Protein backbone atom coordinates (compact mmCIF):
# COMPACT_ATOMS: atom_id res chain seq x y z
CA UNK A 1 -73.62 71.32 -185.31
CA UNK A 2 -69.89 71.22 -186.10
CA UNK A 3 -68.08 69.17 -188.65
CA UNK A 4 -66.75 65.75 -187.77
CA UNK A 5 -63.05 65.29 -187.10
CA UNK A 6 -60.94 63.60 -189.72
CA UNK A 7 -57.78 61.62 -189.24
CA UNK A 8 -54.83 63.47 -190.76
CA UNK A 9 -53.01 60.87 -192.82
CA UNK A 10 -52.23 60.27 -196.47
CA UNK A 11 -55.30 59.54 -198.61
CA UNK A 12 -54.78 56.21 -200.36
CA UNK A 13 -57.21 56.73 -203.26
CA UNK A 14 -55.40 58.90 -205.84
CA UNK A 15 -58.60 60.48 -207.19
CA UNK A 16 -59.81 61.44 -203.73
CA UNK A 17 -56.31 62.69 -202.87
CA UNK A 18 -56.26 64.93 -205.96
CA UNK A 19 -59.73 66.32 -205.25
CA UNK A 20 -58.76 67.03 -201.62
CA UNK A 21 -55.52 68.68 -202.73
CA UNK A 22 -57.38 70.91 -205.18
CA UNK A 23 -59.99 71.99 -202.62
CA UNK A 24 -57.48 72.60 -199.84
CA UNK A 25 -55.09 74.39 -202.20
CA UNK A 26 -57.84 76.79 -203.22
CA UNK A 27 -58.79 77.33 -199.58
CA UNK A 28 -55.18 78.01 -198.61
CA UNK A 29 -54.71 80.47 -201.48
CA UNK A 30 -57.95 82.23 -200.49
CA UNK A 31 -56.80 82.51 -196.85
CA UNK A 32 -53.43 83.91 -197.93
CA UNK A 33 -55.18 86.58 -200.02
CA UNK A 34 -57.56 87.43 -197.16
CA UNK A 35 -54.67 87.72 -194.71
CA UNK A 36 -52.81 90.12 -196.98
CA UNK A 37 -55.89 92.30 -197.51
CA UNK A 38 -57.34 92.31 -194.00
CA UNK A 39 -54.07 92.71 -192.11
CA UNK A 40 -52.02 94.59 -194.71
CA UNK A 41 -49.48 91.76 -194.45
CA UNK A 42 -46.90 90.90 -197.06
CA UNK A 43 -47.75 87.27 -197.88
CA UNK A 44 -45.96 84.77 -200.08
CA UNK A 45 -47.20 81.20 -200.50
CA UNK A 46 -45.60 78.42 -202.56
CA UNK A 47 -47.25 75.02 -203.07
CA UNK A 48 -45.90 72.05 -205.02
CA UNK A 49 -48.32 69.27 -205.86
CA UNK A 50 -47.29 65.61 -205.66
CA UNK A 51 -46.84 65.73 -209.44
CA UNK A 52 -44.45 68.68 -209.11
CA UNK A 53 -46.78 71.39 -210.37
CA UNK A 54 -46.19 74.82 -208.84
CA UNK A 55 -48.92 77.01 -207.36
CA UNK A 56 -48.07 80.33 -205.76
CA UNK A 57 -49.54 83.53 -204.38
CA UNK A 58 -47.78 86.77 -203.55
CA UNK A 59 -49.43 89.90 -202.23
CA UNK A 60 -46.55 91.91 -203.74
CA UNK A 61 -43.61 90.60 -205.73
CA UNK A 62 -42.60 87.02 -204.90
CA UNK A 63 -38.98 87.99 -205.57
CA UNK A 64 -39.09 90.83 -203.03
CA UNK A 65 -40.76 88.58 -200.45
CA UNK A 66 -38.11 85.89 -200.88
CA UNK A 67 -35.29 88.46 -200.73
CA UNK A 68 -36.77 89.91 -197.55
CA UNK A 69 -37.14 86.43 -196.08
CA UNK A 70 -33.51 85.55 -196.86
CA UNK A 71 -32.29 88.83 -195.37
CA UNK A 72 -34.30 88.34 -192.18
CA UNK A 73 -33.17 84.72 -191.91
CA UNK A 74 -29.52 85.78 -192.26
CA UNK A 75 -29.91 88.51 -189.63
CA UNK A 76 -31.59 86.06 -187.26
CA UNK A 77 -28.80 83.53 -187.83
CA UNK A 78 -26.18 86.17 -187.02
CA UNK A 79 -27.97 86.98 -183.77
CA UNK A 80 -27.86 83.35 -182.75
CA UNK A 81 -24.24 82.88 -183.85
CA UNK A 82 -22.07 82.49 -180.71
CA UNK A 83 -19.06 84.22 -182.32
CA UNK A 84 -21.10 87.33 -183.02
CA UNK A 85 -22.36 87.24 -179.41
CA UNK A 86 -18.78 87.12 -178.10
CA UNK A 87 -17.79 89.99 -180.38
CA UNK A 88 -20.80 92.01 -179.22
CA UNK A 89 -19.86 91.39 -175.59
CA UNK A 90 -16.27 92.48 -176.28
CA UNK A 91 -17.56 95.65 -177.93
CA UNK A 92 -19.65 96.37 -174.81
CA UNK A 93 -16.64 95.87 -172.56
CA UNK A 94 -14.53 98.16 -174.77
CA UNK A 95 -17.26 100.79 -174.63
CA UNK A 96 -17.41 100.63 -170.85
CA UNK A 97 -13.61 100.84 -170.64
CA UNK A 98 -13.74 103.92 -172.90
CA UNK A 99 -16.24 105.58 -170.55
CA UNK A 100 -14.01 104.82 -167.57
CA UNK A 101 -10.99 106.33 -169.37
CA UNK A 102 -12.77 109.63 -169.87
CA UNK A 103 -13.32 109.84 -166.06
CA UNK A 104 -17.11 109.70 -166.17
CA UNK A 105 -18.74 109.29 -162.79
CA UNK A 106 -20.48 105.98 -161.96
CA UNK A 107 -24.02 107.38 -162.32
CA UNK A 108 -23.31 108.59 -165.86
CA UNK A 109 -21.61 105.30 -166.69
CA UNK A 110 -24.62 103.28 -165.45
CA UNK A 111 -27.08 105.51 -167.31
CA UNK A 112 -25.12 105.30 -170.58
CA UNK A 113 -24.76 101.53 -170.24
CA UNK A 114 -28.53 101.15 -169.70
CA UNK A 115 -29.28 103.32 -172.72
CA UNK A 116 -26.79 101.44 -174.86
CA UNK A 117 -28.17 98.03 -173.87
CA UNK A 118 -31.76 99.13 -174.49
CA UNK A 119 -30.82 100.31 -177.99
CA UNK A 120 -29.18 96.99 -178.91
CA UNK A 121 -32.16 94.84 -177.92
């Protein structure tokens, strides 16, 4: 028999809320550790309690995880930036124009364009 469903809302009783936070925090930290071990994943977890106390877990260095996160976030932002998309499209057009200037035949031009596009994706 499964567990009963609970309504997800703020617990009014402060003692019950603190007990629930403590139990769920420990469960979340345990799951983060299991994920890093079982899947060889780099895991970083930061939890702040309602009183402002910090709890964290890092499978490697928290600093390296945060630096990697910031780098990936910046790269993702650049991919979604419309100006960088326009510049990338202009670079593609310049590359195609360069191929045409060197008198490549259409088959070679199409093949090179397909290879170039597949490398940028």
